[in-house]
Amino acid sequence: MFSVRFFPWLAGRNFYGRLLHGRGIESTIARADASLLHRSTSELERYFSRPSSEFPRQNAFPVVFRQQKTR
């Protein structure tokens, strides 16, 4: 079985840290904890109050296609 303690080594510390942070945020949202609101700013509230159609489209997994040169 894959051990969790090898995951930071395999995936990288930055990715693992972000994964743990995301899990913490998910559990905070699931508990309906208001602690996130205490750290919010008016700028963040304005930004996230926009409809999703106004946000730029981003590809989380960009793929680059390289053309082979023909002679």
PDB file of N, CA and C in Angstrom:
ATOM      1  N   MET A   1       0.849  -1.190   0.000  1.00  0.00           N
ATOM      2  CA  MET A   1       0.000   0.000   0.000  1.00  0.00           C
ATOM      3  C   MET A   1       0.881   1.235   0.000  1.00  0.00           C
ATOM      4  N   PHE A   2       0.447   2.250  -0.700  1.00  0.00           N
ATOM      5  CA  PHE A   2       1.195   3.502  -0.811  1.00  0.00           C
ATOM      6  C   PHE A   2       1.122   4.270   0.503  1.00  0.00           C
ATOM      7  N   SER A   3       2.257   4.655   1.006  1.00  0.00           N
ATOM      8  CA  SER A   3       2.304   5.382   2.272  1.00  0.00           C
ATOM      9  C   SER A   3       2.159   6.883   2.027  1.00  0.00           C
ATOM     10  N   VAL A   4       1.397   7.543   2.887  1.00  0.00           N
ATOM     11  CA  VAL A   4       1.157   8.979   2.750  1.00  0.00           C
ATOM     12  C   VAL A   4       2.427   9.774   3.003  1.00  0.00           C
ATOM     13  N   ARG A   5       3.325   9.265   3.798  1.00  0.00           N
ATOM     14  CA  ARG A   5       4.526  10.041   4.109  1.00  0.00           C
ATOM     15  C   ARG A   5       5.470  10.155   2.914  1.00  0.00           C
ATOM     16  N   PHE A   6       5.293   9.314   1.891  1.00  0.00           N
ATOM     17  CA  PHE A   6       6.103   9.431   0.683  1.00  0.00           C
ATOM     18  C   PHE A   6       5.492  10.400  -0.330  1.00  0.00           C
ATOM     19  N   PHE A   7       4.253  10.781  -0.123  1.00  0.00           N
ATOM     20  CA  PHE A   7       3.582  11.659  -1.079  1.00  0.00           C
ATOM     21  C   PHE A   7       4.276  13.011  -1.240  1.00  0.00           C
ATOM     22  N   PRO A   8       4.699  13.694  -0.152  1.00  0.00           N
ATOM     23  CA  PRO A   8       5.416  14.966  -0.351  1.00  0.00           C
ATOM     24  C   PRO A   8       6.687  14.787  -1.174  1.00  0.00           C
ATOM     25  N   TRP A   9       7.372  13.692  -0.987  1.00  0.00           N
ATOM     26  CA  TRP A   9       8.594  13.440  -1.749  1.00  0.00           C
ATOM     27  C   TRP A   9       8.272  13.190  -3.220  1.00  0.00           C
ATOM     28  N   LEU A  10       7.197  12.455  -3.455  1.00  0.00           N
ATOM     29  CA  LEU A  10       6.820  12.103  -4.816  1.00  0.00           C
ATOM     30  C   LEU A  10       6.218  13.294  -5.573  1.00  0.00           C
ATOM     31  N   ALA A  11       5.314  14.011  -4.940  1.00  0.00           N
ATOM     32  CA  ALA A  11       4.595  15.096  -5.617  1.00  0.00           C
ATOM     33  C   ALA A  11       5.244  16.458  -5.426  1.00  0.00           C
ATOM     34  N   GLY A  12       6.081  16.590  -4.429  1.00  0.00           N
ATOM     35  CA  GLY A  12       6.704  17.882  -4.147  1.00  0.00           C
ATOM     36  C   GLY A  12       6.058  18.538  -2.942  1.00  0.00           C
ATOM     37  N   ARG A  13       6.883  19.236  -2.177  1.00  0.00           N
ATOM     38  CA  ARG A  13       6.377  19.851  -0.951  1.00  0.00           C
ATOM     39  C   ARG A  13       5.347  20.937  -1.224  1.00  0.00           C
ATOM     40  N   ASN A  14       5.550  21.736  -2.282  1.00  0.00           N
ATOM     41  CA  ASN A  14       4.601  22.816  -2.570  1.00  0.00           C
ATOM     42  C   ASN A  14       3.221  22.264  -2.906  1.00  0.00           C
ATOM     43  N   PHE A  15       3.177  21.255  -3.759  1.00  0.00           N
ATOM     44  CA  PHE A  15       1.893  20.661  -4.129  1.00  0.00           C
ATOM     45  C   PHE A  15       1.230  20.024  -2.911  1.00  0.00           C
ATOM     46  N   TYR A  16       2.017  19.327  -2.103  1.00  0.00           N
ATOM     47  CA  TYR A  16       1.466  18.666  -0.921  1.00  0.00           C
ATOM     48  C   TYR A  16       0.920  19.701   0.065  1.00  0.00           C
ATOM     49  N   GLY A  17       1.642  20.811   0.226  1.00  0.00           N
ATOM     50  CA  GLY A  17       1.170  21.876   1.111  1.00  0.00           C
ATOM     51  C   GLY A  17      -0.147  22.464   0.634  1.00  0.00           C
ATOM     52  N   ARG A  18      -0.268  22.646  -0.674  1.00  0.00           N
ATOM     53  CA  ARG A  18      -1.520  23.175  -1.225  1.00  0.00           C
ATOM     54  C   ARG A  18      -2.656  22.175  -1.078  1.00  0.00           C
ATOM     55  N   LEU A  19      -2.343  20.901  -1.216  1.00  0.00           N
ATOM     56  CA  LEU A  19      -3.351  19.867  -1.028  1.00  0.00           C
ATOM     57  C   LEU A  19      -3.877  19.885   0.407  1.00  0.00           C
ATOM     58  N   LEU A  20      -2.976  19.974   1.378  1.00  0.00           N
ATOM     59  CA  LEU A  20      -3.397  20.028   2.777  1.00  0.00           C
ATOM     60  C   LEU A  20      -4.198  21.291   3.067  1.00  0.00           C
ATOM     61  N   HIS A  21      -3.777  22.412   2.482  1.00  0.00           N
ATOM     62  CA  HIS A  21      -4.510  23.665   2.670  1.00  0.00           C
ATOM     63  C   HIS A  21      -5.924  23.538   2.104  1.00  0.00           C
ATOM     64  N   GLY A  22      -6.051  22.937   0.928  1.00  0.00           N
ATOM     65  CA  GLY A  22      -7.364  22.738   0.319  1.00  0.00           C
ATOM     66  C   GLY A  22      -8.262  21.848   1.161  1.00  0.00           C
ATOM     67  N   ARG A  23      -7.681  20.814   1.738  1.00  0.00           N
ATOM     68  CA  ARG A  23      -8.472  19.933   2.611  1.00  0.00           C
ATOM     69  C   ARG A  23      -8.955  20.686   3.841  1.00  0.00           C
ATOM     70  N   GLY A  24      -8.100  21.551   4.379  1.00  0.00           N
ATOM     71  CA  GLY A  24      -8.496  22.356   5.538  1.00  0.00           C
ATOM     72  C   GLY A  24      -9.620  23.320   5.197  1.00  0.00           C
ATOM     73  N   ILE A  25      -9.535  23.934   4.027  1.00  0.00           N
ATOM     74  CA  ILE A  25     -10.586  24.855   3.586  1.00  0.00           C
ATOM     75  C   ILE A  25     -11.896  24.099   3.374  1.00  0.00           C
ATOM     76  N   GLU A  26     -11.822  22.917   2.763  1.00  0.00           N
ATOM     77  CA  GLU A  26     -13.038  22.125   2.529  1.00  0.00           C
ATOM     78  C   GLU A  26     -13.728  21.764   3.839  1.00  0.00           C
ATOM     79  N   SER A  27     -12.952  21.363   4.837  1.00  0.00           N
ATOM     80  CA  SER A  27     -13.574  21.001   6.118  1.00  0.00           C
ATOM     81  C   SER A  27     -14.146  22.230   6.815  1.00  0.00           C
ATOM     82  N   THR A  28     -13.502  23.383   6.658  1.00  0.00           N
ATOM     83  CA  THR A  28     -14.022  24.618   7.243  1.00  0.00           C
ATOM     84  C   THR A  28     -15.346  25.001   6.593  1.00  0.00           C
ATOM     85  N   ILE A  29     -15.428  24.875   5.280  1.00  0.00           N
ATOM     86  CA  ILE A  29     -16.672  25.182   4.568  1.00  0.00           C
ATOM     87  C   ILE A  29     -17.764  24.189   4.952  1.00  0.00           C
ATOM     88  N   ALA A  30     -17.417  22.914   5.074  1.00  0.00           N
ATOM     89  CA  ALA A  30     -18.402  21.888   5.430  1.00  0.00           C
ATOM     90  C   ALA A  30     -18.985  22.129   6.824  1.00  0.00           C
ATOM     91  N   ARG A  31     -18.170  22.663   7.729  1.00  0.00           N
ATOM     92  CA  ARG A  31     -18.645  22.958   9.086  1.00  0.00           C
ATOM     93  C   ARG A  31     -19.405  24.275   9.156  1.00  0.00           C
ATOM     94  N   ALA A  32     -19.435  25.031   8.053  1.00  0.00           N
ATOM     95  CA  ALA A  32     -20.045  26.367   8.005  1.00  0.00           C
ATOM     96  C   ALA A  32     -19.388  27.271   9.039  1.00  0.00           C
ATOM     97  N   ASP A  33     -18.081  27.134   9.163  1.00  0.00           N
ATOM     98  CA  ASP A  33     -17.297  27.929  10.107  1.00  0.00           C
ATOM     99  C   ASP A  33     -17.118  29.339   9.548  1.00  0.00           C
ATOM    100  N   ALA A  34     -17.322  30.345  10.368  1.00  0.00           N
ATOM    101  CA  ALA A  34     -17.225  31.737   9.916  1.00  0.00           C
ATOM    102  C   ALA A  34     -15.808  32.284  10.011  1.00  0.00           C
ATOM    103  N   SER A  35     -14.837  31.459  10.368  1.00  0.00           N
ATOM    104  CA  SER A  35     -13.469  31.962  10.525  1.00  0.00           C
ATOM    105  C   SER A  35     -12.887  32.468   9.210  1.00  0.00           C
ATOM    106  N   LEU A  36     -13.336  31.911   8.084  1.00  0.00           N
ATOM    107  CA  LEU A  36     -12.863  32.407   6.790  1.00  0.00           C
ATOM    108  C   LEU A  36     -13.343  33.829   6.532  1.00  0.00           C
ATOM    109  N   LEU A  37     -14.533  34.151   6.993  1.00  0.00           N
ATOM    110  CA  LEU A  37     -15.063  35.494   6.782  1.00  0.00           C
ATOM    111  C   LEU A  37     -14.274  36.536   7.556  1.00  0.00           C
ATOM    112  N   HIS A  38     -13.683  36.149   8.665  1.00  0.00           N
ATOM    113  CA  HIS A  38     -12.898  37.098   9.454  1.00  0.00           C
ATOM    114  C   HIS A  38     -11.613  37.481   8.741  1.00  0.00           C
ATOM    115  N   ARG A  39     -11.130  36.640   7.838  1.00  0.00           N
ATOM    116  CA  ARG A  39      -9.898  36.926   7.097  1.00  0.00           C
ATOM    117  C   ARG A  39     -10.175  37.530   5.729  1.00  0.00           C
ATOM    118  N   SER A  40     -11.432  37.697   5.392  1.00  0.00           N
ATOM    119  CA  SER A  40     -11.790  38.223   4.085  1.00  0.00           C
ATOM    120  C   SER A  40     -11.608  39.742   4.053  1.00  0.00           C
ATOM    121  N   THR A  41     -11.432  40.264   2.850  1.00  0.00           N
ATOM    122  CA  THR A  41     -11.328  41.710   2.663  1.00  0.00           C
ATOM    123  C   THR A  41     -12.423  42.151   1.702  1.00  0.00           C
ATOM    124  N   SER A  42     -12.684  43.440   1.673  1.00  0.00           N
ATOM    125  CA  SER A  42     -13.719  43.938   0.762  1.00  0.00           C
ATOM    126  C   SER A  42     -13.311  43.715  -0.692  1.00  0.00           C
ATOM    127  N   GLU A  43     -12.005  43.771  -0.966  1.00  0.00           N
ATOM    128  CA  GLU A  43     -11.530  43.526  -2.330  1.00  0.00           C
ATOM    129  C   GLU A  43     -11.810  42.085  -2.756  1.00  0.00           C
ATOM    130  N   LEU A  44     -11.552  41.129  -1.860  1.00  0.00           N
ATOM    131  CA  LEU A  44     -11.860  39.730  -2.170  1.00  0.00           C
ATOM    132  C   LEU A  44     -13.356  39.519  -2.353  1.00  0.00           C
ATOM    133  N   GLU A  45     -14.160  40.161  -1.511  1.00  0.00           N
ATOM    134  CA  GLU A  45     -15.614  40.017  -1.627  1.00  0.00           C
ATOM    135  C   GLU A  45     -16.111  40.539  -2.972  1.00  0.00           C
ATOM    136  N   ARG A  46     -15.585  41.684  -3.426  1.00  0.00           N
ATOM    137  CA  ARG A  46     -15.979  42.228  -4.727  1.00  0.00           C
ATOM    138  C   ARG A  46     -15.542  41.300  -5.854  1.00  0.00           C
ATOM    139  N   TYR A  47     -14.332  40.762  -5.746  1.00  0.00           N
ATOM    140  CA  TYR A  47     -13.808  39.892  -6.799  1.00  0.00           C
ATOM    141  C   TYR A  47     -14.664  38.641  -6.961  1.00  0.00           C
ATOM    142  N   PHE A  48     -14.978  37.981  -5.865  1.00  0.00           N
ATOM    143  CA  PHE A  48     -15.710  36.715  -5.943  1.00  0.00           C
ATOM    144  C   PHE A  48     -17.220  36.898  -6.051  1.00  0.00           C
ATOM    145  N   SER A  49     -17.711  38.125  -5.954  1.00  0.00           N
ATOM    146  CA  SER A  49     -19.147  38.342  -6.132  1.00  0.00           C
ATOM    147  C   SER A  49     -19.519  38.439  -7.610  1.00  0.00           C
ATOM    148  N   ARG A  50     -18.518  38.518  -8.478  1.00  0.00           N
ATOM    149  CA  ARG A  50     -18.777  38.578  -9.922  1.00  0.00           C
ATOM    150  C   ARG A  50     -19.276  37.221 -10.418  1.00  0.00           C
ATOM    151  N   PRO A  51     -20.083  37.228 -11.482  1.00  0.00           N
ATOM    152  CA  PRO A  51     -20.516  35.948 -12.059  1.00  0.00           C
ATOM    153  C   PRO A  51     -19.332  35.208 -12.679  1.00  0.00           C
ATOM    154  N   SER A  52     -19.395  33.913 -12.702  1.00  0.00           N
ATOM    155  CA  SER A  52     -18.270  33.112 -13.199  1.00  0.00           C
ATOM    156  C   SER A  52     -17.966  33.385 -14.667  1.00  0.00           C
ATOM    157  N   SER A  53     -18.937  33.874 -15.407  1.00  0.00           N
ATOM    158  CA  SER A  53     -18.692  34.166 -16.824  1.00  0.00           C
ATOM    159  C   SER A  53     -17.721  35.330 -17.015  1.00  0.00           C
ATOM    160  N   GLU A  54     -17.552  36.162 -15.999  1.00  0.00           N
ATOM    161  CA  GLU A  54     -16.632  37.295 -16.095  1.00  0.00           C
ATOM    162  C   GLU A  54     -15.190  36.912 -15.786  1.00  0.00           C
ATOM    163  N   PHE A  55     -14.986  35.767 -15.191  1.00  0.00           N
ATOM    164  CA  PHE A  55     -13.629  35.341 -14.863  1.00  0.00           C
ATOM    165  C   PHE A  55     -12.931  34.840 -16.120  1.00  0.00           C
ATOM    166  N   PRO A  56     -11.622  35.049 -16.208  1.00  0.00           N
ATOM    167  CA  PRO A  56     -10.905  34.539 -17.384  1.00  0.00           C
ATOM    168  C   PRO A  56     -10.893  33.018 -17.386  1.00  0.00           C
ATOM    169  N   ARG A  57     -11.019  32.454 -18.568  1.00  0.00           N
ATOM    170  CA  ARG A  57     -10.976  30.990 -18.683  1.00  0.00           C
ATOM    171  C   ARG A  57      -9.531  30.542 -18.577  1.00  0.00           C
ATOM    172  N   GLN A  58      -9.299  29.551 -17.754  1.00  0.00           N
ATOM    173  CA  GLN A  58      -7.950  29.047 -17.561  1.00  0.00           C
ATOM    174  C   GLN A  58      -7.942  27.547 -17.738  1.00  0.00           C
ATOM    175  N   ASN A  59      -6.871  27.068 -18.326  1.00  0.00           N
ATOM    176  CA  ASN A  59      -6.679  25.639 -18.487  1.00  0.00           C
ATOM    177  C   ASN A  59      -5.730  25.186 -17.384  1.00  0.00           C
ATOM    178  N   ALA A  60      -6.215  24.371 -16.490  1.00  0.00           N
ATOM    179  CA  ALA A  60      -5.379  23.925 -15.376  1.00  0.00           C
ATOM    180  C   ALA A  60      -4.273  22.984 -15.829  1.00  0.00           C
ATOM    181  N   PHE A  61      -4.476  22.319 -16.939  1.00  0.00           N
ATOM    182  CA  PHE A  61      -3.489  21.373 -17.445  1.00  0.00           C
ATOM    183  C   PHE A  61      -3.138  21.723 -18.888  1.00  0.00           C
ATOM    184  N   PRO A  62      -2.319  22.743 -19.084  1.00  0.00           N
ATOM    185  CA  PRO A  62      -1.993  23.129 -20.464  1.00  0.00           C
ATOM    186  C   PRO A  62      -1.195  22.041 -21.175  1.00  0.00           C
ATOM    187  N   VAL A  63      -1.509  21.860 -22.422  1.00  0.00           N
ATOM    188  CA  VAL A  63      -0.820  20.867 -23.239  1.00  0.00           C
ATOM    189  C   VAL A  63      -0.206  21.598 -24.424  1.00  0.00           C
ATOM    190  N   VAL A  64       1.042  21.338 -24.667  1.00  0.00           N
ATOM    191  CA  VAL A  64       1.738  21.990 -25.769  1.00  0.00           C
ATOM    192  C   VAL A  64       1.927  20.973 -26.880  1.00  0.00           C
ATOM    193  N   PHE A  65       1.494  21.341 -28.059  1.00  0.00           N
ATOM    194  CA  PHE A  65       1.702  20.495 -29.224  1.00  0.00           C
ATOM    195  C   PHE A  65       2.831  21.103 -30.037  1.00  0.00           C
ATOM    196  N   ARG A  66       3.800  20.329 -30.300  1.00  0.00           N
ATOM    197  CA  ARG A  66       4.960  20.806 -31.047  1.00  0.00           C
ATOM    198  C   ARG A  66       4.901  20.215 -32.447  1.00  0.00           C
ATOM    199  N   GLN A  67       4.963  21.088 -33.421  1.00  0.00           N
ATOM    200  CA  GLN A  67       4.934  20.615 -34.797  1.00  0.00           C
ATOM    201  C   GLN A  67       6.318  20.138 -35.186  1.00  0.00           C
ATOM    202  N   GLN A  68       6.339  19.029 -35.882  1.00  0.00           N
ATOM    203  CA  GLN A  68       7.612  18.538 -36.394  1.00  0.00           C
ATOM    204  C   GLN A  68       7.888  19.218 -37.716  1.00  0.00           C
ATOM    205  N   LYS A  69       9.106  19.641 -37.872  1.00  0.00           N
ATOM    206  CA  LYS A  69       9.487  20.307 -39.118  1.00  0.00           C
ATOM    207  C   LYS A  69       9.703  19.260 -40.205  1.00  0.00           C
ATOM    208  N   THR A  70       9.146  19.552 -41.343  1.00  0.00           N
ATOM    209  CA  THR A  70       9.355  18.657 -42.485  1.00  0.00           C
ATOM    210  C   THR A  70      10.380  19.289 -43.406  1.00  0.00           C
ATOM    211  N   ARG A  71      11.202  18.464 -43.963  1.00  0.00           N
ATOM    212  CA  ARG A  71      12.252  18.986 -44.859  1.00  0.00           C
ATOM    213  C   ARG A  71      11.905  18.795 -46.283  1.00  0.00           C
TER     214      ARG A  71
END
